[in-house]
Structures are given as structure tokens and as C-alpha cells.
Amino acid sequence: MMDHALMQNKFYIRTAEPGQLLWSCPAAKLLKPDKMSRFLELYGQRIKALEPAAAAVYFGSWIGFLALGQQYAVSTYNQSLDLSLGSLDIQLFEQEGRTLFSFKLGQAGIVNAPAEASEREDWLRTSFEALYGGTLRPLLESAAEAGGVAVGQLWGQFPTKFNYNMDFWLADALQEELRERIKEDYRYLREELPAEVFGRSKNPMDVKIRYIEDMKHPDKQVRIKNACCQFYRTEGGYYCYTCPRMKEEERAERREQARAAAASV
């Protein structure tokens, strides 16, 4: 049975209005260039973006929660949500001074996985094609066009988000059957879903993970982000330590500074 409170708290997918609502729009309307441009301007002001591209990429990162939520639902609950454009409102709300997204469902339809294991792959493919091809692709392409940025930069936010969360999902899964389903469903998304669904020449979820030395602990490794999050294009922003744009000599300098600071405490 799907836990709607968990879906709201972890993935911002909800059936009720959030408190301190700032803005709301049916998802389908954001496919109109003027509507998306006005939204990016509004959102860019909220995050103090220096360029529309930053607002577009941030939006791409947030939209990734729809993908994460659906992935969690199909693997953990064996259920998929109706996240079609016509049943979804995209919202902004304020919480503790931060501007957050909310993905409000209409009369949320839930589709159970078939009882026969042999039929589950078709159900999974149908669920993923509807979400990635029918909802996420047009929204990301609209945002990329309005923001003047390559759509690959928006898709590029997804793998980092997924790999980070997969670690927690697998650690929390107490049953071996559930762990295997989580891993297999993610493998299917990366390796079996055709690139054409995403409108790309290659499935954007199928990426090679690169590791670097942890900034403070030389005996630990951390993942490099798959794509730049554009934080450096916001007021007071800079390259994250795990940013793929950062040169290795800059990364080494950041490590040295962090370790010197830690040693002086």
C-alpha cells in the first residue's frame, strides 16, 4: 500500500495544496514558451539566478523528484502513479525561507503491478515510457529552450540524484526480494528503456560513475556529479567540490584548504 505521506515528504508528490503557496500552474501549460519563460523568470528571482540557464537546470533537478518518486513506487510498492501532464500541477511554495517545488496530483490514479511476474516488465516499460516520454521529456525540452541551455544539462541532473538515493533505498530494504527488485528496476531504466523515449541519442540515465577523493577524508571516495548543477550561476555561488567542471588542480586546492581548516580546530 502506497504511503502518500512518505511520497510527499521524500519526493514532494502530494494530493493537497502545500502551505505558503507561491505559484501554481498545470504542467501542460508550461509547454507554452511564454508560460515557461515567465516561470523561469519568477523562479530565477527566487533563487537569485544570474542567468535563465541556472533556473532551467535547477528546474530540471527538481523535476527529477517525479522520476525518483515513480521509481520508488514501482520498486517498493509495486504500484505506479499517474504522473501525466494532464493530472499534474507544478507549484512553488516557501518553507523556512526556502523556495521549494510541489508536484500536486489530481485524482491520482494508481496502477498495480500485474500479479504474473512475466507481465511485470511490460507494466514497468509502460509506466516509464509514460513518465519519461510523455511528461518529463516535453517539460525539460520546454525549459531548456526557454532557458537557453542544452537539454542534456537538465537530463544530466537525474543520474546523480538517483545514485545518491539508491544507496539509501538499498540500505533500508530489509528483504532480499525487495533489494533485488530495486536493483533490477533501476537496471531496466538505465539499460533497457530506449533512448528515443528521452528524445536523446543515448539513454541519459546510463552513465559511468566517476569517483574522487573526499574533500576532508583521504581514505574515502565520493562521486563526481554527472552534470553541473549551475549553482555557480546564482548570486554568491561557486563550483561544488564534486562539479565535473572543476579542474583537478582547483579540487586539490579545495581539499588542502578544507583539511587545513579541520586540523586547526
Protein backbone atom coordinates (compact mmCIF):
# COMPACT_ATOMS: atom_id res chain seq x y z
CA MET A 1 0.00 0.00 0.00
CA MET A 2 1.49 3.31 -1.06
CA ASP A 3 2.45 5.67 1.75
CA HIS A 4 1.28 9.08 0.50
CA ALA A 5 2.84 10.94 3.43
CA LEU A 6 6.21 9.44 2.53
CA MET A 7 5.75 10.34 -1.15
CA GLN A 8 5.07 13.92 -0.11
CA ASN A 9 7.95 14.21 2.35
CA LYS A 10 10.59 12.49 0.22
CA PHE A 11 9.55 13.37 -3.33
CA TYR A 12 7.26 16.42 -2.98
CA ILE A 13 4.45 14.49 -4.71
CA ARG A 14 1.19 15.35 -2.99
CA THR A 15 -2.57 15.42 -3.37
CA ALA A 16 -3.22 18.56 -1.28
CA GLU A 17 -2.02 22.15 -1.53
CA PRO A 18 1.21 22.94 0.31
CA GLY A 19 1.31 25.69 2.90
CA GLN A 20 2.62 29.12 1.86
CA LEU A 21 1.86 28.50 -1.81
CA LEU A 22 3.67 31.00 -4.05
CA TRP A 23 2.72 29.86 -7.54
CA SER A 24 0.84 27.06 -9.26
CA CYS A 25 0.37 26.02 -12.87
CA PRO A 26 -0.98 22.96 -14.70
CA ALA A 27 2.08 21.12 -16.01
CA ALA A 28 0.72 21.05 -19.56
CA LYS A 29 0.69 24.85 -19.74
CA LEU A 30 4.44 25.00 -19.14
CA LEU A 31 4.92 23.58 -22.62
CA LYS A 32 3.97 27.00 -23.96
CA PRO A 33 7.18 29.03 -24.48
CA ASP A 34 5.83 32.26 -22.98
CA LYS A 35 4.48 30.47 -19.91
CA MET A 36 7.76 28.63 -19.31
CA SER A 37 9.77 31.84 -19.82
CA ARG A 38 7.68 33.70 -17.25
CA PHE A 39 8.01 30.81 -14.82
CA LEU A 40 11.80 30.68 -15.17
CA GLU A 41 11.95 34.43 -14.62
CA LEU A 42 9.88 34.12 -11.43
CA TYR A 43 11.79 31.10 -10.16
CA GLY A 44 15.11 32.64 -11.12
CA GLN A 45 14.30 35.65 -8.93
CA ARG A 46 13.52 33.35 -6.01
CA ILE A 47 16.87 31.52 -6.25
CA LYS A 48 18.81 34.66 -7.28
CA ALA A 49 19.84 33.14 -10.59
CA LEU A 50 22.22 35.26 -12.64
CA GLU A 51 21.03 33.72 -15.91
CA PRO A 52 17.87 31.92 -17.09
CA ALA A 53 20.00 28.82 -17.72
CA ALA A 54 20.52 28.39 -13.98
CA ALA A 55 16.78 28.48 -13.29
CA ALA A 56 16.19 25.95 -16.08
CA VAL A 57 18.77 23.49 -14.75
CA TYR A 58 17.50 23.88 -11.17
CA PHE A 59 14.02 23.12 -12.51
CA GLY A 60 15.43 20.02 -14.22
CA SER A 61 16.90 18.87 -10.93
CA TRP A 62 13.61 19.37 -9.09
CA ILE A 63 11.64 17.56 -11.81
CA GLY A 64 13.89 14.62 -11.05
CA PHE A 65 11.84 14.06 -7.91
CA LEU A 66 8.95 12.93 -10.11
CA ALA A 67 11.23 10.30 -11.62
CA LEU A 68 12.56 9.29 -8.21
CA GLY A 69 9.06 9.07 -6.76
CA GLN A 70 7.86 6.85 -9.57
CA GLN A 71 10.96 4.65 -9.27
CA TYR A 72 10.41 4.27 -5.54
CA ALA A 73 6.71 3.49 -6.06
CA VAL A 74 7.22 0.78 -8.67
CA SER A 75 10.02 -0.91 -6.77
CA THR A 76 8.84 -0.55 -3.17
CA TYR A 77 5.05 -0.70 -3.55
CA ASN A 78 4.74 -2.46 -6.92
CA GLN A 79 2.48 0.42 -7.93
CA SER A 80 2.84 3.27 -10.41
CA LEU A 81 1.39 6.78 -10.17
CA ASP A 82 -0.43 8.68 -12.88
CA LEU A 83 2.07 11.49 -13.46
CA SER A 84 0.71 12.53 -16.83
CA LEU A 85 0.79 16.20 -17.82
CA GLY A 86 -2.99 16.47 -17.59
CA SER A 87 -3.13 15.25 -13.99
CA LEU A 88 -0.27 17.31 -12.58
CA ASP A 89 0.14 20.82 -11.21
CA ILE A 90 3.64 22.18 -10.71
CA GLN A 91 3.88 24.53 -7.74
CA LEU A 92 6.29 26.65 -5.76
CA PHE A 93 5.94 27.12 -2.03
CA GLU A 94 8.02 28.64 0.72
CA GLN A 95 9.24 26.76 3.76
CA GLU A 96 11.64 28.16 6.33
CA GLY A 97 12.78 30.81 3.89
CA ARG A 98 13.45 28.35 1.06
CA THR A 99 11.61 28.12 -2.25
CA LEU A 100 10.59 24.50 -2.85
CA PHE A 101 8.62 22.65 -5.50
CA SER A 102 5.42 20.72 -5.07
CA PHE A 103 4.00 18.26 -7.60
CA LYS A 104 0.28 18.16 -6.96
CA LEU A 105 -1.71 15.28 -8.38
CA GLY A 106 -5.34 15.45 -9.39
CA GLN A 107 -7.41 12.37 -8.81
CA ALA A 108 -4.23 10.33 -8.58
CA GLY A 109 -4.65 7.06 -10.38
CA ILE A 110 -2.56 4.17 -9.10
CA VAL A 111 -1.84 1.17 -11.29
CA ASN A 112 -0.85 -2.04 -9.56
CA ALA A 113 1.82 -4.29 -11.00
CA PRO A 114 0.35 -7.42 -12.62
CA ALA A 115 0.16 -10.50 -10.46
CA GLU A 116 2.12 -12.53 -13.01
CA ALA A 117 5.84 -11.82 -12.81
CA SER A 118 6.16 -12.46 -16.55
CA GLU A 119 3.90 -9.46 -17.24
CA ARG A 120 5.68 -7.06 -14.90
CA GLU A 121 8.30 -5.93 -17.43
CA ASP A 122 5.61 -4.73 -19.84
CA TRP A 123 3.94 -2.84 -17.00
CA LEU A 124 7.27 -1.31 -15.99
CA ARG A 125 8.06 -0.25 -19.55
CA THR A 126 4.62 1.30 -19.96
CA SER A 127 4.99 3.23 -16.68
CA PHE A 128 8.46 4.51 -17.59
CA GLU A 129 7.56 5.43 -21.17
CA ALA A 130 4.56 7.43 -19.95
CA LEU A 131 6.64 9.34 -17.40
CA TYR A 132 9.88 9.93 -19.29
CA GLY A 133 8.46 10.29 -22.78
CA GLY A 134 5.07 11.79 -22.04
CA THR A 135 5.78 14.09 -19.08
CA LEU A 136 9.45 14.70 -18.38
CA ARG A 137 10.76 14.99 -21.91
CA PRO A 138 8.38 17.77 -23.04
CA LEU A 139 8.82 19.69 -19.78
CA LEU A 140 12.61 19.52 -19.91
CA GLU A 141 12.72 20.44 -23.58
CA SER A 142 10.46 23.42 -22.92
CA ALA A 143 12.62 24.59 -20.00
CA ALA A 144 15.85 24.13 -21.95
CA GLU A 145 14.53 26.16 -24.86
CA ALA A 146 13.28 28.98 -22.62
CA GLY A 147 16.46 28.97 -20.53
CA GLY A 148 18.85 28.89 -23.46
CA VAL A 149 20.64 25.77 -22.28
CA ALA A 150 21.20 22.30 -23.77
CA VAL A 151 18.51 19.87 -22.65
CA GLY A 152 21.25 17.34 -21.89
CA GLN A 153 22.27 19.53 -18.94
CA LEU A 154 18.79 19.06 -17.48
CA TRP A 155 18.69 15.31 -18.05
CA GLY A 156 22.19 15.24 -16.59
CA GLN A 157 20.83 16.12 -13.14
CA PHE A 158 18.97 12.81 -12.89
CA PRO A 159 21.74 10.18 -12.53
CA THR A 160 23.42 11.98 -9.63
CA LYS A 161 20.11 12.22 -7.80
CA PHE A 162 19.25 8.59 -8.50
CA ASN A 163 22.59 7.09 -7.48
CA TYR A 164 22.60 9.05 -4.23
CA ASN A 165 19.11 7.84 -3.30
CA MET A 166 19.65 4.24 -4.41
CA ASP A 167 22.25 3.82 -1.68
CA PHE A 168 19.64 4.68 0.96
CA TRP A 169 16.86 2.62 -0.57
CA LEU A 170 19.01 -0.49 -0.70
CA ALA A 171 20.26 0.07 2.85
CA ASP A 172 16.68 0.44 4.12
CA ALA A 173 15.36 -2.63 2.28
CA LEU A 174 15.18 -5.44 4.80
CA GLN A 175 14.09 -8.19 2.41
CA GLU A 176 16.40 -9.62 -0.24
CA GLU A 177 13.50 -9.81 -2.69
CA LEU A 178 12.93 -6.07 -2.36
CA ARG A 179 16.62 -5.26 -2.72
CA GLU A 180 16.78 -7.30 -5.92
CA ARG A 181 13.68 -5.60 -7.32
CA ILE A 182 15.13 -2.14 -6.56
CA LYS A 183 18.36 -3.02 -8.34
CA GLU A 184 16.67 -4.72 -11.29
CA ASP A 185 14.15 -1.91 -11.86
CA TYR A 186 16.97 0.62 -11.88
CA ARG A 187 18.99 -1.55 -14.26
CA TYR A 188 15.96 -1.75 -16.55
CA LEU A 189 15.59 2.04 -16.55
CA ARG A 190 19.26 2.53 -17.42
CA GLU A 191 19.83 -0.31 -19.84
CA GLU A 192 16.51 -1.32 -21.37
CA LEU A 193 14.49 1.86 -21.81
CA PRO A 194 15.19 3.09 -25.38
CA ALA A 195 17.00 6.40 -25.84
CA GLU A 196 14.17 7.52 -28.14
CA VAL A 197 11.84 7.73 -25.15
CA PHE A 198 14.03 10.55 -23.81
CA GLY A 199 14.46 12.15 -27.21
CA ARG A 200 18.20 11.54 -26.94
CA SER A 201 20.77 9.55 -28.88
CA LYS A 202 21.70 7.73 -25.66
CA ASN A 203 19.72 6.90 -22.54
CA PRO A 204 20.71 9.76 -20.18
CA MET A 205 20.38 7.50 -17.14
CA ASP A 206 23.09 5.14 -18.40
CA VAL A 207 26.23 6.94 -17.29
CA LYS A 208 29.63 5.97 -15.98
CA ILE A 209 30.13 6.95 -12.34
CA ARG A 210 33.44 8.63 -11.53
CA TYR A 211 34.89 8.92 -8.04
CA ILE A 212 37.28 11.38 -6.42
CA GLU A 213 38.95 11.67 -3.05
CA ASP A 214 36.68 13.05 -0.32
CA MET A 215 37.40 16.68 0.46
CA LYS A 216 38.14 16.10 4.15
CA HIS A 217 38.89 12.37 4.41
CA PRO A 218 41.65 10.96 2.13
CA ASP A 219 40.55 7.39 2.83
CA LYS A 220 37.05 8.00 1.43
CA GLN A 221 35.73 8.36 -2.11
CA VAL A 222 32.81 10.48 -3.32
CA ARG A 223 31.02 10.57 -6.66
CA ILE A 224 31.57 13.38 -9.13
CA LYS A 225 28.25 14.87 -10.20
CA ASN A 226 27.12 13.74 -13.62
CA ALA A 227 26.45 17.35 -14.71
CA CYS A 228 26.94 20.81 -13.25
CA CYS A 229 24.03 21.95 -11.08
CA GLN A 230 24.64 25.61 -12.08
CA PHE A 231 24.98 26.83 -8.51
CA TYR A 232 27.88 28.97 -9.71
CA ARG A 233 25.35 30.89 -11.83
CA THR A 234 23.44 32.06 -8.77
CA GLU A 235 24.25 35.06 -6.58
CA GLY A 236 27.23 34.20 -4.38
CA GLY A 237 27.51 30.75 -5.96
CA TYR A 238 30.62 28.77 -6.86
CA TYR A 239 31.63 25.38 -8.26
CA CYS A 240 30.78 22.50 -5.95
CA TYR A 241 33.70 20.27 -4.97
CA THR A 242 32.14 17.42 -6.95
CA CYS A 243 31.34 19.55 -10.01
CA PRO A 244 32.54 17.98 -13.28
CA ARG A 245 33.54 21.46 -14.49
CA MET A 246 36.13 21.89 -11.76
CA LYS A 247 39.76 21.39 -12.76
CA GLU A 248 41.72 18.86 -10.75
CA GLU A 249 44.21 21.45 -9.52
CA GLU A 250 41.32 23.52 -8.17
CA ARG A 251 39.91 20.43 -6.48
CA ALA A 252 43.27 19.68 -4.87
CA GLU A 253 43.44 23.25 -3.58
CA ARG A 254 39.92 22.96 -2.13
CA ARG A 255 40.92 19.72 -0.36
CA GLU A 256 44.03 21.32 1.08
CA GLN A 257 42.06 24.27 2.43
CA ALA A 258 39.35 22.05 3.95
CA ARG A 259 41.86 19.79 5.66
CA ALA A 260 43.90 22.70 6.96
CA ALA A 261 40.75 24.23 8.40
CA ALA A 262 39.78 20.93 10.04
CA ALA A 263 43.24 20.48 11.52
CA SER A 264 43.19 23.94 13.09
CA VAL A 265 40.01 23.27 15.08
